[in-house]
Every structure is written in C-alpha cells, then in structure tokens.
Amino acid sequence: MESPLTLQLNAQKTEDGWAWCFKRNCSISPNQLATIFALLGLLSVAIGLAFYTLGATLILPYSFIEITALALAFAFTVKHASDYEKLEVGPLHLTFEYQNGFSKNKLQMNRALTRVEVLKTEGHLIKFSQGKESVLFGQHVHAHFREKLTRQILSKI
C-alpha cells in the first residue's frame, strides 16, 4: 500500500488530458495566523508597558521592534500562502501556471518539441525546455518524489 504522500502525485484527468497541481501545505489559515500574531504583539506591548511603569523605559522600544518583526513575518507568510504550480498536458501543448508571491505566470509549450529532464544540481527539480524557454517544476513536491513525478509526467506526454 502506498503512503498518502505518494498518492498525491497522481494526475487528475481533464477533458483534454492530464493535470498536476501542487500547493504549499499551510496548516493554519491567514486569519488564524493574524490572530496569533496580534495576541503576541499585545502581550509584548503589555510586558513592555509593565516594565515602563516600573522604570525600565528601554523595554518598550524593544517591544515595538518585536512587533515590527512579527508584522514582517506575517506579511511574508501571507504573501506566499497561496503559492502553487500547475502543469496541464493537453493533446498539443503543455501549459504551466504558477504563482510565487503576488506574481502569477502562465506559459505554454508545444508538446512535441518540449524536452524534459531532472536537474541533479537544482534539488532534482524537473526542467521543461523548448528552445530558449524553460520552466522548473516540482518546487512544492518533496525531493524524494520528484523522480516518480517525472516518470508519471513522461508516461502522459
């Protein structure tokens, strides 16, 4: 019996061919994360204010520095929470769609002219190339499963 991780690599049948879609695995929603960061920020300010009233005036500025660091961490996490990559294999074309942060890109390659290889130097990412254009695929797949994913993709092409 295969583990649940390997079952997630299977392609989805579409009306024209096959599709693979991989996303980040986020165990907490952005709203829940915002609530946790807000509570941590309030706790930090409360501790800073308590020390400030006791005469330790330099604690409060460090509390605000800590809140700034929390806000930056939250912004980075939310920015990349919806990252994904998608590959659709159609009768004539390979269509790549991927989002990294706020940038969303889509690229289409001729199926017959596309070369597929696994890059040993790039963490075993799958490289699709056609002429001067190339796409790296498999960022959201564990490195141990990229070889199997490559075999699956090649069997559908």
N, C-alpha and C. Protein backbone atom coordinates (compact mmCIF):
# COMPACT_ATOMS: atom_id res chain seq x y z
N MET A 1 0.84 -1.19 0.00
CA MET A 1 0.00 0.00 0.00
C MET A 1 0.88 1.24 0.00
N GLU A 2 0.54 2.21 -0.83
CA GLU A 2 1.33 3.43 -0.93
C GLU A 2 0.97 4.39 0.19
N SER A 3 1.94 5.22 0.56
CA SER A 3 1.68 6.21 1.60
C SER A 3 0.82 7.33 1.04
N PRO A 4 0.15 8.12 1.91
CA PRO A 4 -0.68 9.23 1.42
C PRO A 4 0.11 10.26 0.62
N LEU A 5 1.40 10.40 0.91
CA LEU A 5 2.20 11.38 0.17
C LEU A 5 2.36 10.99 -1.29
N THR A 6 2.56 9.71 -1.56
CA THR A 6 2.75 9.29 -2.94
C THR A 6 1.45 9.33 -3.71
N LEU A 7 0.32 9.14 -3.03
CA LEU A 7 -0.95 9.18 -3.72
C LEU A 7 -1.27 10.58 -4.24
N GLN A 8 -0.73 11.61 -3.60
CA GLN A 8 -0.98 12.98 -4.01
C GLN A 8 -0.29 13.32 -5.33
N LEU A 9 0.63 12.51 -5.77
CA LEU A 9 1.35 12.79 -7.01
C LEU A 9 0.54 12.43 -8.24
N ASN A 10 -0.50 11.66 -8.09
CA ASN A 10 -1.27 11.20 -9.24
C ASN A 10 -1.91 12.36 -9.98
N ALA A 11 -1.93 12.23 -11.28
CA ALA A 11 -2.50 13.27 -12.13
C ALA A 11 -4.02 13.22 -12.08
N GLN A 12 -4.62 14.38 -12.32
CA GLN A 12 -6.07 14.48 -12.43
C GLN A 12 -6.43 14.46 -13.91
N LYS A 13 -7.41 13.66 -14.25
CA LYS A 13 -7.87 13.59 -15.64
C LYS A 13 -8.69 14.82 -15.95
N THR A 14 -8.36 15.51 -17.04
CA THR A 14 -9.13 16.65 -17.51
C THR A 14 -9.81 16.25 -18.82
N GLU A 15 -10.61 17.15 -19.38
CA GLU A 15 -11.30 16.81 -20.62
C GLU A 15 -10.34 16.65 -21.80
N ASP A 16 -9.20 17.36 -21.76
CA ASP A 16 -8.23 17.27 -22.86
C ASP A 16 -7.01 16.42 -22.57
N GLY A 17 -6.75 16.12 -21.31
CA GLY A 17 -5.53 15.39 -20.98
C GLY A 17 -5.39 15.16 -19.49
N TRP A 18 -4.25 15.60 -18.96
CA TRP A 18 -3.92 15.36 -17.55
C TRP A 18 -3.42 16.66 -16.92
N ALA A 19 -3.58 16.75 -15.59
CA ALA A 19 -3.14 17.94 -14.88
C ALA A 19 -2.57 17.57 -13.52
N TRP A 20 -1.50 18.26 -13.14
CA TRP A 20 -0.91 18.14 -11.81
C TRP A 20 -0.94 19.53 -11.19
N CYS A 21 -1.37 19.63 -9.96
CA CYS A 21 -1.40 20.91 -9.27
C CYS A 21 -0.84 20.70 -7.86
N PHE A 22 0.18 21.47 -7.53
CA PHE A 22 0.82 21.36 -6.22
C PHE A 22 0.81 22.72 -5.54
N LYS A 23 0.44 22.71 -4.26
CA LYS A 23 0.36 23.93 -3.47
C LYS A 23 1.18 23.77 -2.21
N ARG A 24 1.40 24.89 -1.55
CA ARG A 24 2.03 24.86 -0.23
C ARG A 24 1.08 24.20 0.74
N ASN A 25 1.64 23.50 1.70
CA ASN A 25 0.84 22.86 2.73
C ASN A 25 0.78 23.79 3.93
N CYS A 26 -0.29 24.57 4.04
CA CYS A 26 -0.46 25.51 5.14
C CYS A 26 -1.40 24.90 6.16
N SER A 27 -0.93 24.71 7.37
CA SER A 27 -1.76 24.10 8.40
C SER A 27 -2.59 25.12 9.17
N ILE A 28 -2.40 26.39 8.88
CA ILE A 28 -3.13 27.43 9.59
C ILE A 28 -3.58 28.49 8.58
N SER A 29 -4.79 28.98 8.75
CA SER A 29 -5.30 29.98 7.81
C SER A 29 -4.68 31.34 8.11
N PRO A 30 -4.66 32.25 7.15
CA PRO A 30 -4.12 33.59 7.40
C PRO A 30 -4.86 34.32 8.52
N ASN A 31 -6.17 34.11 8.65
CA ASN A 31 -6.92 34.75 9.74
C ASN A 31 -6.48 34.24 11.11
N GLN A 32 -6.28 32.93 11.21
CA GLN A 32 -5.81 32.35 12.47
C GLN A 32 -4.41 32.86 12.80
N LEU A 33 -3.56 32.93 11.78
CA LEU A 33 -2.20 33.41 11.98
C LEU A 33 -2.20 34.88 12.40
N ALA A 34 -3.07 35.69 11.80
CA ALA A 34 -3.17 37.10 12.18
C ALA A 34 -3.61 37.24 13.63
N THR A 35 -4.54 36.40 14.07
CA THR A 35 -5.00 36.43 15.46
C THR A 35 -3.86 36.08 16.41
N ILE A 36 -3.10 35.06 16.08
CA ILE A 36 -1.97 34.66 16.93
C ILE A 36 -0.92 35.77 16.98
N PHE A 37 -0.57 36.34 15.82
CA PHE A 37 0.43 37.42 15.81
C PHE A 37 -0.08 38.64 16.57
N ALA A 38 -1.37 38.96 16.44
CA ALA A 38 -1.93 40.11 17.18
C ALA A 38 -1.87 39.86 18.68
N LEU A 39 -2.19 38.66 19.11
CA LEU A 39 -2.11 38.34 20.54
C LEU A 39 -0.67 38.40 21.06
N LEU A 40 0.26 37.92 20.24
CA LEU A 40 1.67 38.01 20.62
C LEU A 40 2.13 39.46 20.71
N GLY A 41 1.67 40.28 19.77
CA GLY A 41 2.01 41.70 19.79
C GLY A 41 1.43 42.40 21.01
N LEU A 42 0.18 42.11 21.34
CA LEU A 42 -0.44 42.71 22.53
C LEU A 42 0.26 42.27 23.80
N LEU A 43 0.64 41.02 23.87
CA LEU A 43 1.38 40.52 25.03
C LEU A 43 2.72 41.24 25.16
N SER A 44 3.40 41.42 24.04
CA SER A 44 4.69 42.10 24.06
C SER A 44 4.55 43.55 24.52
N VAL A 45 3.52 44.23 24.02
CA VAL A 45 3.29 45.63 24.43
C VAL A 45 2.90 45.68 25.91
N ALA A 46 2.08 44.74 26.37
CA ALA A 46 1.68 44.72 27.78
C ALA A 46 2.89 44.53 28.69
N ILE A 47 3.79 43.64 28.31
CA ILE A 47 5.01 43.43 29.10
C ILE A 47 5.88 44.68 29.05
N GLY A 48 5.99 45.27 27.86
CA GLY A 48 6.77 46.50 27.71
C GLY A 48 6.21 47.63 28.54
N LEU A 49 4.89 47.79 28.54
CA LEU A 49 4.25 48.84 29.35
C LEU A 49 4.43 48.58 30.84
N ALA A 50 4.34 47.33 31.24
CA ALA A 50 4.54 46.99 32.66
C ALA A 50 5.95 47.38 33.12
N PHE A 51 6.93 47.03 32.33
CA PHE A 51 8.30 47.40 32.69
C PHE A 51 8.51 48.91 32.61
N TYR A 52 7.83 49.56 31.65
CA TYR A 52 7.94 51.01 31.53
C TYR A 52 7.41 51.72 32.78
N THR A 53 6.30 51.23 33.29
CA THR A 53 5.74 51.85 34.51
C THR A 53 6.60 51.56 35.74
N LEU A 54 7.38 50.50 35.69
CA LEU A 54 8.28 50.18 36.80
C LEU A 54 9.62 50.90 36.69
N GLY A 55 9.81 51.65 35.61
CA GLY A 55 11.03 52.44 35.47
C GLY A 55 12.02 51.93 34.44
N ALA A 56 11.78 50.78 33.87
CA ALA A 56 12.67 50.25 32.83
C ALA A 56 12.16 50.74 31.48
N THR A 57 12.56 51.96 31.11
CA THR A 57 11.97 52.62 29.94
C THR A 57 12.47 52.05 28.61
N LEU A 58 13.58 51.36 28.60
CA LEU A 58 14.11 50.85 27.33
C LEU A 58 13.45 49.56 26.88
N ILE A 59 12.62 48.95 27.69
CA ILE A 59 11.95 47.70 27.29
C ILE A 59 10.88 47.99 26.24
N LEU A 60 10.15 49.09 26.38
CA LEU A 60 9.05 49.40 25.46
C LEU A 60 9.51 49.57 24.01
N PRO A 61 10.60 50.27 23.72
CA PRO A 61 11.04 50.35 22.31
C PRO A 61 11.37 48.97 21.72
N TYR A 62 11.94 48.10 22.53
CA TYR A 62 12.24 46.76 22.03
C TYR A 62 10.95 45.97 21.77
N SER A 63 9.91 46.25 22.53
CA SER A 63 8.62 45.61 22.26
C SER A 63 8.10 46.02 20.89
N PHE A 64 8.26 47.30 20.54
CA PHE A 64 7.80 47.75 19.23
C PHE A 64 8.67 47.18 18.11
N ILE A 65 9.94 46.99 18.37
CA ILE A 65 10.81 46.32 17.38
C ILE A 65 10.35 44.88 17.18
N GLU A 66 9.98 44.22 18.27
CA GLU A 66 9.48 42.84 18.19
C GLU A 66 8.16 42.78 17.40
N ILE A 67 7.29 43.76 17.61
CA ILE A 67 6.02 43.80 16.87
C ILE A 67 6.29 44.03 15.39
N THR A 68 7.26 44.86 15.06
CA THR A 68 7.62 45.08 13.66
C THR A 68 8.12 43.78 13.02
N ALA A 69 8.94 43.03 13.76
CA ALA A 69 9.43 41.74 13.24
C ALA A 69 8.26 40.77 13.05
N LEU A 70 7.31 40.75 13.97
CA LEU A 70 6.14 39.89 13.82
C LEU A 70 5.32 40.29 12.59
N ALA A 71 5.15 41.59 12.38
CA ALA A 71 4.39 42.07 11.22
C ALA A 71 5.08 41.68 9.91
N LEU A 72 6.40 41.78 9.87
CA LEU A 72 7.13 41.38 8.66
C LEU A 72 7.01 39.87 8.41
N ALA A 73 7.09 39.08 9.48
CA ALA A 73 6.94 37.62 9.34
C ALA A 73 5.54 37.28 8.84
N PHE A 74 4.53 37.97 9.37
CA PHE A 74 3.16 37.74 8.93
C PHE A 74 2.99 38.12 7.46
N ALA A 75 3.54 39.25 7.06
CA ALA A 75 3.41 39.70 5.66
C ALA A 75 4.07 38.69 4.72
N PHE A 76 5.23 38.17 5.09
CA PHE A 76 5.91 37.19 4.25
C PHE A 76 5.09 35.91 4.15
N THR A 77 4.55 35.46 5.28
CA THR A 77 3.77 34.22 5.30
C THR A 77 2.51 34.35 4.47
N VAL A 78 1.80 35.46 4.60
CA VAL A 78 0.57 35.66 3.83
C VAL A 78 0.88 35.79 2.35
N LYS A 79 1.99 36.44 2.03
CA LYS A 79 2.35 36.63 0.63
C LYS A 79 2.54 35.29 -0.08
N HIS A 80 3.12 34.32 0.62
CA HIS A 80 3.43 33.03 -0.01
C HIS A 80 2.44 31.92 0.35
N ALA A 81 1.37 32.25 1.06
CA ALA A 81 0.41 31.22 1.47
C ALA A 81 -0.34 30.61 0.28
N SER A 82 -0.50 31.36 -0.78
CA SER A 82 -1.26 30.85 -1.92
C SER A 82 -0.37 30.46 -3.10
N ASP A 83 0.91 30.23 -2.86
CA ASP A 83 1.81 29.79 -3.93
C ASP A 83 1.37 28.42 -4.44
N TYR A 84 1.49 28.23 -5.74
CA TYR A 84 1.17 26.95 -6.34
C TYR A 84 1.87 26.83 -7.69
N GLU A 85 1.86 25.61 -8.20
CA GLU A 85 2.33 25.35 -9.56
C GLU A 85 1.43 24.29 -10.17
N LYS A 86 1.14 24.48 -11.45
CA LYS A 86 0.21 23.59 -12.13
C LYS A 86 0.75 23.27 -13.51
N LEU A 87 0.63 22.01 -13.88
CA LEU A 87 1.03 21.55 -15.22
C LEU A 87 -0.17 20.84 -15.83
N GLU A 88 -0.54 21.28 -17.04
CA GLU A 88 -1.60 20.61 -17.79
C GLU A 88 -1.01 20.07 -19.08
N VAL A 89 -1.22 18.78 -19.31
CA VAL A 89 -0.76 18.13 -20.53
C VAL A 89 -1.97 17.95 -21.43
N GLY A 90 -1.99 18.69 -22.52
CA GLY A 90 -3.07 18.59 -23.50
C GLY A 90 -2.62 17.84 -24.72
N PRO A 91 -3.48 17.72 -25.71
CA PRO A 91 -3.12 16.97 -26.91
C PRO A 91 -1.96 17.60 -27.70
N LEU A 92 -1.87 18.94 -27.67
CA LEU A 92 -0.83 19.62 -28.45
C LEU A 92 0.15 20.42 -27.60
N HIS A 93 -0.27 20.83 -26.40
CA HIS A 93 0.53 21.75 -25.61
C HIS A 93 0.70 21.29 -24.17
N LEU A 94 1.78 21.77 -23.57
CA LEU A 94 1.98 21.69 -22.12
C LEU A 94 1.76 23.10 -21.60
N THR A 95 0.90 23.25 -20.60
CA THR A 95 0.61 24.56 -20.06
C THR A 95 1.06 24.60 -18.60
N PHE A 96 1.92 25.56 -18.31
CA PHE A 96 2.42 25.74 -16.95
C PHE A 96 1.79 27.00 -16.37
N GLU A 97 1.32 26.89 -15.17
CA GLU A 97 0.77 28.05 -14.47
C GLU A 97 1.35 28.00 -13.06
N TYR A 98 1.91 29.11 -12.63
CA TYR A 98 2.49 29.12 -11.29
C TYR A 98 2.37 30.50 -10.67
N GLN A 99 2.26 30.50 -9.35
CA GLN A 99 2.17 31.74 -8.59
C GLN A 99 3.21 31.68 -7.48
N ASN A 100 4.01 32.73 -7.41
CA ASN A 100 5.01 32.87 -6.36
C ASN A 100 4.85 34.27 -5.80
N GLY A 101 4.33 34.36 -4.59
CA GLY A 101 4.03 35.66 -4.02
C GLY A 101 2.85 36.27 -4.74
N PHE A 102 3.02 37.50 -5.22
CA PHE A 102 1.94 38.17 -5.93
C PHE A 102 2.09 38.06 -7.44
N SER A 103 3.14 37.36 -7.89
CA SER A 103 3.37 37.23 -9.32
C SER A 103 2.79 35.90 -9.81
N LYS A 104 1.93 36.00 -10.82
CA LYS A 104 1.30 34.82 -11.41
C LYS A 104 1.71 34.75 -12.87
N ASN A 105 2.19 33.59 -13.30
CA ASN A 105 2.68 33.44 -14.66
C ASN A 105 2.05 32.22 -15.31
N LYS A 106 1.93 32.30 -16.63
CA LYS A 106 1.42 31.18 -17.41
C LYS A 106 2.27 31.06 -18.66
N LEU A 107 2.64 29.84 -19.00
CA LEU A 107 3.49 29.58 -20.15
C LEU A 107 2.99 28.34 -20.86
N GLN A 108 3.01 28.38 -22.17
CA GLN A 108 2.57 27.24 -22.95
C GLN A 108 3.70 26.79 -23.87
N MET A 109 3.91 25.48 -23.95
CA MET A 109 4.95 24.92 -24.81
C MET A 109 4.33 23.86 -25.72
N ASN A 110 4.93 23.71 -26.89
CA ASN A 110 4.50 22.68 -27.82
C ASN A 110 4.90 21.33 -27.25
N ARG A 111 3.94 20.44 -27.14
CA ARG A 111 4.18 19.14 -26.50
C ARG A 111 5.25 18.33 -27.23
N ALA A 112 5.24 18.35 -28.55
CA ALA A 112 6.17 17.53 -29.32
C ALA A 112 7.60 18.06 -29.27
N LEU A 113 7.77 19.35 -29.00
CA LEU A 113 9.10 19.95 -29.02
C LEU A 113 9.70 20.17 -27.63
N THR A 114 9.00 19.78 -26.61
CA THR A 114 9.45 20.04 -25.24
C THR A 114 10.34 18.92 -24.74
N ARG A 115 11.44 19.30 -24.15
CA ARG A 115 12.41 18.36 -23.57
C ARG A 115 12.23 18.34 -22.06
N VAL A 116 12.24 17.16 -21.45
CA VAL A 116 12.04 17.01 -20.00
C VAL A 116 13.29 16.37 -19.42
N GLU A 117 13.79 16.97 -18.32
CA GLU A 117 14.94 16.39 -17.63
C GLU A 117 14.88 16.72 -16.15
N VAL A 118 15.51 15.89 -15.35
CA VAL A 118 15.61 16.12 -13.91
C VAL A 118 16.97 16.73 -13.63
N LEU A 119 16.97 17.88 -12.98
CA LEU A 119 18.23 18.57 -12.70
C LEU A 119 18.80 18.08 -11.38
N LYS A 120 19.95 17.46 -11.44
CA LYS A 120 20.60 16.97 -10.22
C LYS A 120 21.16 18.12 -9.39
N THR A 121 21.51 19.24 -10.04
CA THR A 121 22.11 20.38 -9.33
C THR A 121 21.08 21.31 -8.73
N GLU A 122 19.82 21.24 -9.14
CA GLU A 122 18.78 22.15 -8.66
C GLU A 122 17.83 21.45 -7.69
N GLY A 123 18.31 20.52 -6.89
CA GLY A 123 17.45 19.82 -5.96
C GLY A 123 16.48 18.87 -6.64
N HIS A 124 16.89 18.31 -7.77
CA HIS A 124 16.09 17.36 -8.53
C HIS A 124 14.79 17.95 -9.06
N LEU A 125 14.77 19.25 -9.31
CA LEU A 125 13.60 19.86 -9.95
C LEU A 125 13.48 19.35 -11.38
N ILE A 126 12.28 19.35 -11.89
CA ILE A 126 12.02 18.88 -13.24
C ILE A 126 12.08 20.09 -14.17
N LYS A 127 12.92 19.99 -15.19
CA LYS A 127 13.09 21.11 -16.13
C LYS A 127 12.43 20.76 -17.45
N PHE A 128 11.54 21.64 -17.87
CA PHE A 128 10.90 21.54 -19.18
C PHE A 128 11.50 22.65 -20.03
N SER A 129 12.01 22.30 -21.20
CA SER A 129 12.62 23.33 -22.04
C SER A 129 12.22 23.14 -23.49
N GLN A 130 12.10 24.28 -24.14
CA GLN A 130 11.81 24.31 -25.57
C GLN A 130 12.49 25.54 -26.12
N GLY A 131 13.51 25.35 -26.91
CA GLY A 131 14.29 26.47 -27.41
C GLY A 131 14.95 27.20 -26.26
N LYS A 132 14.74 28.52 -26.18
CA LYS A 132 15.34 29.32 -25.11
C LYS A 132 14.47 29.40 -23.86
N GLU A 133 13.23 28.95 -23.96
CA GLU A 133 12.33 28.99 -22.82
C GLU A 133 12.48 27.73 -21.98
N SER A 134 12.45 27.92 -20.66
CA SER A 134 12.49 26.76 -19.77
C SER A 134 11.70 27.06 -18.51
N VAL A 135 11.19 26.00 -17.90
CA VAL A 135 10.40 26.10 -16.68
C VAL A 135 10.88 25.03 -15.72
N LEU A 136 11.05 25.41 -14.46
CA LEU A 136 11.36 24.44 -13.42
C LEU A 136 10.06 24.08 -12.72
N PHE A 137 9.82 22.79 -12.56
CA PHE A 137 8.57 22.31 -11.97
C PHE A 137 8.87 21.35 -10.82
N GLY A 138 8.03 21.36 -9.81
CA GLY A 138 8.17 20.44 -8.69
C GLY A 138 8.65 21.07 -7.40
N GLN A 139 8.59 22.40 -7.30
CA GLN A 139 9.04 23.07 -6.08
C GLN A 139 8.24 22.66 -4.86
N HIS A 140 6.95 22.37 -5.04
CA HIS A 140 6.08 22.05 -3.93
C HIS A 140 5.90 20.55 -3.73
N VAL A 141 6.80 19.78 -4.33
CA VAL A 141 6.81 18.32 -4.17
C VAL A 141 8.08 17.96 -3.43
N HIS A 142 7.99 17.06 -2.49
CA HIS A 142 9.17 16.63 -1.74
C HIS A 142 10.19 16.04 -2.71
N ALA A 143 11.45 16.31 -2.47
CA ALA A 143 12.53 15.91 -3.38
C ALA A 143 12.56 14.40 -3.64
N HIS A 144 12.15 13.59 -2.65
CA HIS A 144 12.17 12.14 -2.83
C HIS A 144 11.14 11.67 -3.85
N PHE A 145 10.11 12.47 -4.11
CA PHE A 145 9.04 12.06 -5.00
C PHE A 145 9.15 12.68 -6.40
N ARG A 146 10.13 13.52 -6.63
CA ARG A 146 10.23 14.18 -7.93
C ARG A 146 10.59 13.22 -9.05
N GLU A 147 11.38 12.22 -8.74
CA GLU A 147 11.74 11.22 -9.76
C GLU A 147 10.48 10.46 -10.20
N LYS A 148 9.65 10.08 -9.24
CA LYS A 148 8.41 9.38 -9.56
C LYS A 148 7.47 10.30 -10.34
N LEU A 149 7.41 11.56 -9.95
CA LEU A 149 6.58 12.52 -10.66
C LEU A 149 7.05 12.67 -12.10
N THR A 150 8.36 12.71 -12.31
CA THR A 150 8.90 12.80 -13.67
C THR A 150 8.47 11.62 -14.51
N ARG A 151 8.54 10.43 -13.94
CA ARG A 151 8.11 9.25 -14.68
C ARG A 151 6.64 9.32 -15.03
N GLN A 152 5.82 9.79 -14.10
CA GLN A 152 4.38 9.94 -14.37
C GLN A 152 4.12 10.92 -15.49
N ILE A 153 4.80 12.05 -15.44
CA ILE A 153 4.62 13.08 -16.47
C ILE A 153 5.04 12.54 -17.83
N LEU A 154 6.19 11.87 -17.87
CA LEU A 154 6.67 11.33 -19.14
C LEU A 154 5.72 10.26 -19.69
N SER A 155 5.08 9.51 -18.83
CA SER A 155 4.14 8.49 -19.31
C SER A 155 2.88 9.13 -19.91
N LYS A 156 2.55 10.37 -19.50
CA LYS A 156 1.36 11.05 -20.03
C LYS A 156 1.67 11.89 -21.26
N ILE A 157 2.95 12.21 -21.45
CA ILE A 157 3.34 13.01 -22.61
C ILE A 157 3.48 12.07 -23.75
